[in-house]
Amino acid sequence: MHQLKYNKKTEAGKRAGELYGYELKQSDKFIYPELIIPVPLHPSRLKKRGYNQSECIAAGISSVLGIPVCSDNLSRIENTRTQTRKSRFARYENLKNAFLLKNPNLLINKHILLIDDVMTTGSTLEACSLKLLEIEGLKISVCTIAYAE
């Protein structure tokens, strides 16, 4: 995960997504969503990093499951500081107004798979989900490749 996030090893993210996709495909409990949405980066962070690590993972899952990735509807509008050393409450406060939906009508009554690379406290996924749940009839499933204790 470190290689993907900090050393531009995007193929590691795609491969992790493929492996996760194969696991999901084998599960009799997995309900296929209609779209995969990676957690977005702020445009300035995306420009600096050159790629979105969650999008790499989403591409891998998509390639195995045949579910399209939608990377342009949910966007990050606040360039929040890094979450790395923040408490759970500070993470929530840092993110509560950070996301925007460009076209919510495209997601009405849909089931989506929201992808993030690492879950620490869940604040990023929670903030994204709260924004997405403003959409009528939307169902969200969540996927992360790693979690921090």
N, C-alpha and C. Protein backbone atom coordinates (compact mmCIF):
# COMPACT_ATOMS: atom_id res chain seq x y z
N MET A 1 0.82 -1.18 0.00
CA MET A 1 0.00 0.00 0.00
C MET A 1 0.87 1.25 0.00
N HIS A 2 1.95 1.20 0.76
CA HIS A 2 2.87 2.33 0.80
C HIS A 2 3.45 2.61 -0.60
N GLN A 3 3.80 1.55 -1.31
CA GLN A 3 4.34 1.71 -2.67
C GLN A 3 3.33 2.39 -3.59
N LEU A 4 2.08 2.00 -3.47
CA LEU A 4 1.02 2.60 -4.28
C LEU A 4 0.83 4.06 -3.93
N LYS A 5 0.73 4.34 -2.66
CA LYS A 5 0.34 5.68 -2.23
C LYS A 5 1.47 6.71 -2.35
N TYR A 6 2.69 6.29 -2.10
CA TYR A 6 3.78 7.26 -2.02
C TYR A 6 4.90 7.07 -3.04
N ASN A 7 4.94 5.93 -3.73
CA ASN A 7 6.04 5.68 -4.66
C ASN A 7 5.58 5.43 -6.10
N LYS A 8 4.39 5.88 -6.43
CA LYS A 8 3.87 5.85 -7.80
C LYS A 8 3.80 4.46 -8.41
N LYS A 9 3.62 3.45 -7.60
CA LYS A 9 3.50 2.07 -8.10
C LYS A 9 2.02 1.77 -8.34
N THR A 10 1.46 2.41 -9.39
CA THR A 10 0.03 2.29 -9.66
C THR A 10 -0.38 0.86 -10.00
N GLU A 11 0.55 0.10 -10.56
CA GLU A 11 0.22 -1.29 -10.91
C GLU A 11 -0.07 -2.12 -9.66
N ALA A 12 0.50 -1.73 -8.52
CA ALA A 12 0.22 -2.43 -7.26
C ALA A 12 -1.24 -2.23 -6.86
N GLY A 13 -1.76 -1.04 -7.07
CA GLY A 13 -3.17 -0.76 -6.77
C GLY A 13 -4.10 -1.52 -7.69
N LYS A 14 -3.77 -1.54 -8.97
CA LYS A 14 -4.62 -2.27 -9.92
C LYS A 14 -4.60 -3.76 -9.60
N ARG A 15 -3.43 -4.28 -9.29
CA ARG A 15 -3.33 -5.71 -8.97
C ARG A 15 -4.06 -6.05 -7.67
N ALA A 16 -3.95 -5.20 -6.67
CA ALA A 16 -4.69 -5.41 -5.43
C ALA A 16 -6.19 -5.40 -5.71
N GLY A 17 -6.64 -4.49 -6.57
CA GLY A 17 -8.05 -4.44 -6.95
C GLY A 17 -8.48 -5.70 -7.69
N GLU A 18 -7.62 -6.20 -8.57
CA GLU A 18 -7.95 -7.45 -9.28
C GLU A 18 -8.11 -8.60 -8.29
N LEU A 19 -7.15 -8.72 -7.37
CA LEU A 19 -7.22 -9.81 -6.38
C LEU A 19 -8.48 -9.69 -5.53
N TYR A 20 -8.81 -8.46 -5.13
CA TYR A 20 -10.02 -8.24 -4.35
C TYR A 20 -11.26 -8.59 -5.18
N GLY A 21 -11.22 -8.22 -6.47
CA GLY A 21 -12.33 -8.53 -7.37
C GLY A 21 -12.56 -10.03 -7.48
N TYR A 22 -11.47 -10.80 -7.57
CA TYR A 22 -11.61 -12.27 -7.64
C TYR A 22 -12.24 -12.81 -6.36
N GLU A 23 -11.86 -12.23 -5.21
CA GLU A 23 -12.46 -12.65 -3.94
C GLU A 23 -13.95 -12.33 -3.90
N LEU A 24 -14.31 -11.14 -4.36
CA LEU A 24 -15.72 -10.77 -4.39
C LEU A 24 -16.52 -11.69 -5.31
N LYS A 25 -15.92 -12.03 -6.43
CA LYS A 25 -16.58 -12.89 -7.42
C LYS A 25 -16.87 -14.28 -6.83
N GLN A 26 -16.00 -14.75 -5.95
CA GLN A 26 -16.16 -16.06 -5.32
C GLN A 26 -17.20 -16.06 -4.19
N SER A 27 -17.52 -14.88 -3.67
CA SER A 27 -18.41 -14.79 -2.52
C SER A 27 -19.87 -14.94 -2.94
N ASP A 28 -20.58 -15.78 -2.23
CA ASP A 28 -22.01 -15.92 -2.52
C ASP A 28 -22.83 -14.84 -1.81
N LYS A 29 -22.18 -14.01 -1.00
CA LYS A 29 -22.86 -12.93 -0.29
C LYS A 29 -22.71 -11.58 -0.99
N PHE A 30 -21.81 -11.49 -1.96
CA PHE A 30 -21.56 -10.22 -2.64
C PHE A 30 -22.70 -9.91 -3.60
N ILE A 31 -23.27 -8.73 -3.44
CA ILE A 31 -24.33 -8.27 -4.33
C ILE A 31 -23.70 -7.25 -5.28
N TYR A 32 -23.74 -7.54 -6.56
CA TYR A 32 -23.09 -6.69 -7.55
C TYR A 32 -23.71 -5.30 -7.60
N PRO A 33 -22.88 -4.28 -7.46
CA PRO A 33 -23.37 -2.91 -7.62
C PRO A 33 -23.43 -2.54 -9.11
N GLU A 34 -24.03 -1.40 -9.38
CA GLU A 34 -24.13 -0.92 -10.76
C GLU A 34 -22.93 -0.05 -11.16
N LEU A 35 -22.30 0.57 -10.17
CA LEU A 35 -21.16 1.45 -10.42
C LEU A 35 -20.14 1.33 -9.31
N ILE A 36 -18.90 1.59 -9.66
CA ILE A 36 -17.82 1.70 -8.68
C ILE A 36 -17.40 3.16 -8.64
N ILE A 37 -17.34 3.71 -7.42
CA ILE A 37 -16.93 5.11 -7.26
C ILE A 37 -15.73 5.16 -6.32
N PRO A 38 -14.57 5.55 -6.84
CA PRO A 38 -13.40 5.71 -5.97
C PRO A 38 -13.49 7.01 -5.18
N VAL A 39 -13.00 7.00 -3.96
CA VAL A 39 -12.93 8.23 -3.16
C VAL A 39 -12.03 9.21 -3.93
N PRO A 40 -12.54 10.42 -4.18
CA PRO A 40 -11.75 11.36 -4.98
C PRO A 40 -10.67 12.09 -4.18
N LEU A 41 -9.65 12.52 -4.89
CA LEU A 41 -8.63 13.41 -4.33
C LEU A 41 -8.97 14.84 -4.74
N HIS A 42 -8.54 15.80 -3.96
CA HIS A 42 -8.66 17.19 -4.37
C HIS A 42 -7.80 17.39 -5.62
N PRO A 43 -8.25 18.22 -6.58
CA PRO A 43 -7.47 18.41 -7.82
C PRO A 43 -6.00 18.77 -7.60
N SER A 44 -5.70 19.57 -6.58
CA SER A 44 -4.29 19.93 -6.36
C SER A 44 -3.48 18.72 -5.88
N ARG A 45 -4.07 17.86 -5.04
CA ARG A 45 -3.37 16.66 -4.59
C ARG A 45 -3.22 15.67 -5.75
N LEU A 46 -4.25 15.58 -6.58
CA LEU A 46 -4.19 14.72 -7.76
C LEU A 46 -3.08 15.19 -8.70
N LYS A 47 -2.99 16.49 -8.89
CA LYS A 47 -1.94 17.03 -9.76
C LYS A 47 -0.55 16.74 -9.19
N LYS A 48 -0.40 16.90 -7.89
CA LYS A 48 0.89 16.66 -7.24
C LYS A 48 1.28 15.18 -7.31
N ARG A 49 0.32 14.29 -6.99
CA ARG A 49 0.60 12.85 -6.97
C ARG A 49 0.63 12.27 -8.38
N GLY A 50 -0.24 12.77 -9.25
CA GLY A 50 -0.28 12.30 -10.63
C GLY A 50 -1.31 11.21 -10.87
N TYR A 51 -1.92 10.69 -9.83
CA TYR A 51 -2.93 9.63 -9.95
C TYR A 51 -3.70 9.54 -8.64
N ASN A 52 -4.85 8.89 -8.71
CA ASN A 52 -5.65 8.64 -7.51
C ASN A 52 -5.51 7.16 -7.19
N GLN A 53 -4.94 6.84 -6.04
CA GLN A 53 -4.69 5.45 -5.68
C GLN A 53 -5.98 4.64 -5.56
N SER A 54 -7.07 5.27 -5.12
CA SER A 54 -8.35 4.56 -5.03
C SER A 54 -8.90 4.24 -6.43
N GLU A 55 -8.59 5.10 -7.39
CA GLU A 55 -8.99 4.84 -8.77
C GLU A 55 -8.23 3.65 -9.35
N CYS A 56 -6.98 3.49 -8.97
CA CYS A 56 -6.19 2.32 -9.42
C CYS A 56 -6.83 1.03 -8.91
N ILE A 57 -7.21 1.03 -7.65
CA ILE A 57 -7.86 -0.14 -7.06
C ILE A 57 -9.20 -0.39 -7.76
N ALA A 58 -9.97 0.68 -7.96
CA ALA A 58 -11.27 0.57 -8.62
C ALA A 58 -11.12 -0.01 -10.03
N ALA A 59 -10.08 0.39 -10.74
CA ALA A 59 -9.84 -0.13 -12.10
C ALA A 59 -9.60 -1.63 -12.08
N GLY A 60 -8.86 -2.10 -11.07
CA GLY A 60 -8.61 -3.53 -10.94
C GLY A 60 -9.87 -4.31 -10.65
N ILE A 61 -10.68 -3.82 -9.72
CA ILE A 61 -11.95 -4.48 -9.40
C ILE A 61 -12.86 -4.48 -10.62
N SER A 62 -12.93 -3.35 -11.29
CA SER A 62 -13.77 -3.22 -12.49
C SER A 62 -13.38 -4.22 -13.57
N SER A 63 -12.08 -4.40 -13.76
CA SER A 63 -11.61 -5.30 -14.82
C SER A 63 -12.01 -6.75 -14.57
N VAL A 64 -12.15 -7.12 -13.31
CA VAL A 64 -12.53 -8.49 -12.96
C VAL A 64 -14.05 -8.67 -12.95
N LEU A 65 -14.75 -7.68 -12.40
CA LEU A 65 -16.20 -7.81 -12.22
C LEU A 65 -17.02 -7.24 -13.37
N GLY A 66 -16.39 -6.45 -14.24
CA GLY A 66 -17.12 -5.87 -15.36
C GLY A 66 -18.10 -4.78 -14.96
N ILE A 67 -17.81 -4.11 -13.86
CA ILE A 67 -18.67 -3.02 -13.37
C ILE A 67 -17.97 -1.70 -13.72
N PRO A 68 -18.69 -0.75 -14.33
CA PRO A 68 -18.03 0.51 -14.71
C PRO A 68 -17.61 1.35 -13.51
N VAL A 69 -16.53 2.10 -13.71
CA VAL A 69 -16.03 3.03 -12.70
C VAL A 69 -16.53 4.42 -13.07
N CYS A 70 -17.06 5.13 -12.09
CA CYS A 70 -17.52 6.51 -12.27
C CYS A 70 -16.64 7.41 -11.40
N SER A 71 -15.71 8.10 -12.03
CA SER A 71 -14.73 8.92 -11.29
C SER A 71 -15.02 10.41 -11.37
N ASP A 72 -16.07 10.80 -12.07
CA ASP A 72 -16.25 12.23 -12.31
C ASP A 72 -17.51 12.83 -11.70
N ASN A 73 -18.23 12.09 -10.87
CA ASN A 73 -19.44 12.64 -10.28
C ASN A 73 -19.20 13.13 -8.84
N LEU A 74 -18.55 12.34 -8.04
CA LEU A 74 -18.20 12.74 -6.68
C LEU A 74 -16.84 13.43 -6.74
N SER A 75 -16.77 14.64 -6.23
CA SER A 75 -15.49 15.35 -6.26
C SER A 75 -15.17 15.91 -4.88
N ARG A 76 -13.88 16.14 -4.70
CA ARG A 76 -13.40 16.71 -3.44
C ARG A 76 -13.19 18.19 -3.68
N ILE A 77 -13.93 19.02 -2.94
CA ILE A 77 -13.88 20.46 -3.19
C ILE A 77 -13.04 21.20 -2.17
N GLU A 78 -12.72 20.55 -1.05
CA GLU A 78 -11.86 21.18 -0.06
C GLU A 78 -10.53 20.45 -0.03
N ASN A 79 -9.48 21.20 -0.11
CA ASN A 79 -8.14 20.62 -0.05
C ASN A 79 -7.74 20.49 1.41
N THR A 80 -8.26 19.44 2.03
CA THR A 80 -8.02 19.23 3.46
C THR A 80 -6.57 18.81 3.70
N ARG A 81 -6.11 19.11 4.89
CA ARG A 81 -4.76 18.68 5.28
C ARG A 81 -4.74 17.18 5.43
N THR A 82 -3.55 16.62 5.42
CA THR A 82 -3.42 15.18 5.55
C THR A 82 -4.10 14.69 6.83
N GLN A 83 -4.65 13.50 6.75
CA GLN A 83 -5.37 12.92 7.88
C GLN A 83 -4.45 12.06 8.76
N THR A 84 -3.23 11.86 8.33
CA THR A 84 -2.36 10.84 8.89
C THR A 84 -2.27 10.85 10.41
N ARG A 85 -2.14 12.00 11.04
CA ARG A 85 -1.93 12.03 12.49
C ARG A 85 -3.09 12.67 13.26
N LYS A 86 -4.27 12.69 12.64
CA LYS A 86 -5.42 13.31 13.29
C LYS A 86 -6.25 12.29 14.07
N SER A 87 -6.93 12.77 15.11
CA SER A 87 -7.86 11.92 15.86
C SER A 87 -9.11 11.68 15.02
N ARG A 88 -9.95 10.78 15.47
CA ARG A 88 -11.19 10.49 14.74
C ARG A 88 -12.05 11.74 14.59
N PHE A 89 -12.25 12.49 15.68
CA PHE A 89 -13.07 13.69 15.60
C PHE A 89 -12.43 14.73 14.69
N ALA A 90 -11.14 14.91 14.78
CA ALA A 90 -10.44 15.88 13.93
C ALA A 90 -10.55 15.48 12.45
N ARG A 91 -10.50 14.19 12.18
CA ARG A 91 -10.68 13.72 10.80
C ARG A 91 -12.08 14.06 10.30
N TYR A 92 -13.08 13.79 11.13
CA TYR A 92 -14.46 14.10 10.75
C TYR A 92 -14.61 15.59 10.47
N GLU A 93 -14.14 16.43 11.39
CA GLU A 93 -14.23 17.89 11.22
C GLU A 93 -13.50 18.35 9.96
N ASN A 94 -12.38 17.71 9.66
CA ASN A 94 -11.56 18.04 8.50
C ASN A 94 -12.29 17.75 7.19
N LEU A 95 -13.21 16.79 7.21
CA LEU A 95 -13.83 16.30 5.98
C LEU A 95 -15.31 16.58 5.82
N LYS A 96 -15.98 17.11 6.82
CA LYS A 96 -17.45 17.13 6.80
C LYS A 96 -18.06 17.87 5.61
N ASN A 97 -17.38 18.84 5.03
CA ASN A 97 -17.90 19.56 3.86
C ASN A 97 -16.96 19.46 2.66
N ALA A 98 -16.21 18.38 2.60
CA ALA A 98 -15.14 18.28 1.60
C ALA A 98 -15.59 17.74 0.25
N PHE A 99 -16.81 17.19 0.16
CA PHE A 99 -17.22 16.51 -1.08
C PHE A 99 -18.44 17.15 -1.72
N LEU A 100 -18.51 17.03 -3.04
CA LEU A 100 -19.60 17.60 -3.84
C LEU A 100 -20.02 16.58 -4.89
N LEU A 101 -21.31 16.52 -5.14
CA LEU A 101 -21.83 15.70 -6.24
C LEU A 101 -22.13 16.59 -7.42
N LYS A 102 -21.58 16.28 -8.58
CA LYS A 102 -21.79 17.09 -9.77
C LYS A 102 -23.15 16.82 -10.39
N ASN A 103 -23.56 15.55 -10.45
CA ASN A 103 -24.84 15.19 -11.04
C ASN A 103 -25.49 14.07 -10.22
N PRO A 104 -26.15 14.43 -9.12
CA PRO A 104 -26.74 13.41 -8.26
C PRO A 104 -27.82 12.58 -8.96
N ASN A 105 -28.48 13.15 -9.95
CA ASN A 105 -29.56 12.43 -10.64
C ASN A 105 -29.09 11.15 -11.30
N LEU A 106 -27.83 11.08 -11.66
CA LEU A 106 -27.29 9.86 -12.28
C LEU A 106 -27.24 8.68 -11.32
N LEU A 107 -27.33 8.96 -10.03
CA LEU A 107 -27.19 7.91 -9.03
C LEU A 107 -28.49 7.55 -8.31
N ILE A 108 -29.60 8.17 -8.69
CA ILE A 108 -30.88 7.89 -8.03
C ILE A 108 -31.20 6.40 -8.18
N ASN A 109 -31.55 5.78 -7.05
CA ASN A 109 -31.95 4.36 -6.99
C ASN A 109 -30.87 3.39 -7.48
N LYS A 110 -29.62 3.78 -7.38
CA LYS A 110 -28.51 2.92 -7.79
C LYS A 110 -27.86 2.27 -6.57
N HIS A 111 -27.13 1.21 -6.84
CA HIS A 111 -26.28 0.57 -5.84
C HIS A 111 -24.84 0.80 -6.29
N ILE A 112 -24.03 1.41 -5.43
CA ILE A 112 -22.64 1.72 -5.78
C ILE A 112 -21.69 1.02 -4.82
N LEU A 113 -20.48 0.82 -5.30
CA LEU A 113 -19.38 0.33 -4.48
C LEU A 113 -18.40 1.48 -4.33
N LEU A 114 -18.27 2.00 -3.12
CA LEU A 114 -17.38 3.11 -2.80
C LEU A 114 -16.02 2.53 -2.39
N ILE A 115 -14.97 2.96 -3.07
CA ILE A 115 -13.63 2.39 -2.89
C ILE A 115 -12.69 3.42 -2.24
N ASP A 116 -11.99 2.98 -1.20
CA ASP A 116 -10.89 3.77 -0.64
C ASP A 116 -9.70 2.84 -0.46
N ASP A 117 -8.52 3.38 -0.41
CA ASP A 117 -7.33 2.53 -0.30
C ASP A 117 -7.16 1.99 1.12
N VAL A 118 -7.16 2.90 2.11
CA VAL A 118 -6.93 2.51 3.50
C VAL A 118 -8.00 3.14 4.37
N MET A 119 -8.55 2.35 5.28
CA MET A 119 -9.48 2.90 6.26
C MET A 119 -8.76 2.96 7.61
N THR A 120 -8.73 4.15 8.17
CA THR A 120 -8.14 4.31 9.50
C THR A 120 -9.27 4.44 10.51
N THR A 121 -9.97 5.56 10.49
CA THR A 121 -11.12 5.73 11.39
C THR A 121 -12.44 5.61 10.65
N GLY A 122 -12.40 5.65 9.33
CA GLY A 122 -13.63 5.61 8.53
C GLY A 122 -14.18 6.98 8.21
N SER A 123 -13.48 8.04 8.62
CA SER A 123 -14.00 9.40 8.43
C SER A 123 -14.14 9.78 6.96
N THR A 124 -13.21 9.40 6.13
CA THR A 124 -13.30 9.73 4.70
C THR A 124 -14.49 9.02 4.08
N LEU A 125 -14.62 7.73 4.34
CA LEU A 125 -15.75 6.98 3.81
C LEU A 125 -17.06 7.51 4.36
N GLU A 126 -17.07 7.89 5.62
CA GLU A 126 -18.28 8.45 6.22
C GLU A 126 -18.67 9.76 5.55
N ALA A 127 -17.71 10.64 5.34
CA ALA A 127 -18.00 11.93 4.71
C ALA A 127 -18.51 11.74 3.28
N CYS A 128 -17.88 10.85 2.54
CA CYS A 128 -18.35 10.55 1.18
C CYS A 128 -19.76 9.97 1.22
N SER A 129 -19.98 9.02 2.12
CA SER A 129 -21.28 8.36 2.22
C SER A 129 -22.38 9.33 2.61
N LEU A 130 -22.09 10.22 3.54
CA LEU A 130 -23.10 11.21 3.94
C LEU A 130 -23.51 12.08 2.76
N LYS A 131 -22.55 12.47 1.93
CA LYS A 131 -22.86 13.25 0.74
C LYS A 131 -23.68 12.41 -0.25
N LEU A 132 -23.24 11.17 -0.47
CA LEU A 132 -23.92 10.29 -1.42
C LEU A 132 -25.33 9.93 -0.96
N LEU A 133 -25.52 9.78 0.34
CA LEU A 133 -26.83 9.39 0.85
C LEU A 133 -27.87 10.51 0.77
N GLU A 134 -27.47 11.67 0.30
CA GLU A 134 -28.44 12.72 -0.02
C GLU A 134 -29.25 12.35 -1.26
N ILE A 135 -28.79 11.34 -1.99
CA ILE A 135 -29.44 10.91 -3.22
C ILE A 135 -30.54 9.90 -2.90
N GLU A 136 -31.69 10.12 -3.48
CA GLU A 136 -32.84 9.25 -3.26
C GLU A 136 -32.57 7.81 -3.69
N GLY A 137 -32.84 6.88 -2.79
CA GLY A 137 -32.79 5.46 -3.11
C GLY A 137 -31.39 4.88 -3.31
N LEU A 138 -30.35 5.64 -3.00
CA LEU A 138 -28.99 5.15 -3.22
C LEU A 138 -28.61 4.12 -2.15
N LYS A 139 -27.99 3.05 -2.60
CA LYS A 139 -27.47 2.03 -1.69
C LYS A 139 -25.95 2.03 -1.86
N ILE A 140 -25.22 1.99 -0.75
CA ILE A 140 -23.76 2.05 -0.79
C ILE A 140 -23.17 0.79 -0.17
N SER A 141 -22.25 0.17 -0.89
CA SER A 141 -21.36 -0.84 -0.33
C SER A 141 -19.98 -0.21 -0.31
N VAL A 142 -19.13 -0.64 0.61
CA VAL A 142 -17.81 -0.02 0.81
C VAL A 142 -16.72 -1.06 0.69
N CYS A 143 -15.62 -0.65 0.08
CA CYS A 143 -14.47 -1.54 -0.05
C CYS A 143 -13.20 -0.76 0.25
N THR A 144 -12.34 -1.34 1.07
CA THR A 144 -10.98 -0.80 1.24
C THR A 144 -10.03 -2.00 1.12
N ILE A 145 -8.82 -1.73 0.72
CA ILE A 145 -7.84 -2.79 0.58
C ILE A 145 -7.11 -3.03 1.90
N ALA A 146 -6.99 -1.97 2.71
CA ALA A 146 -6.28 -2.12 3.97
C ALA A 146 -6.98 -1.29 5.04
N TYR A 147 -6.66 -1.60 6.29
CA TYR A 147 -7.14 -0.79 7.39
C TYR A 147 -6.02 -0.64 8.40
N ALA A 148 -6.06 0.47 9.12
CA ALA A 148 -5.06 0.72 10.15
C ALA A 148 -5.69 0.47 11.51
N GLU A 149 -4.91 -0.07 12.40
CA GLU A 149 -5.44 -0.32 13.76
C GLU A 149 -5.21 0.87 14.64
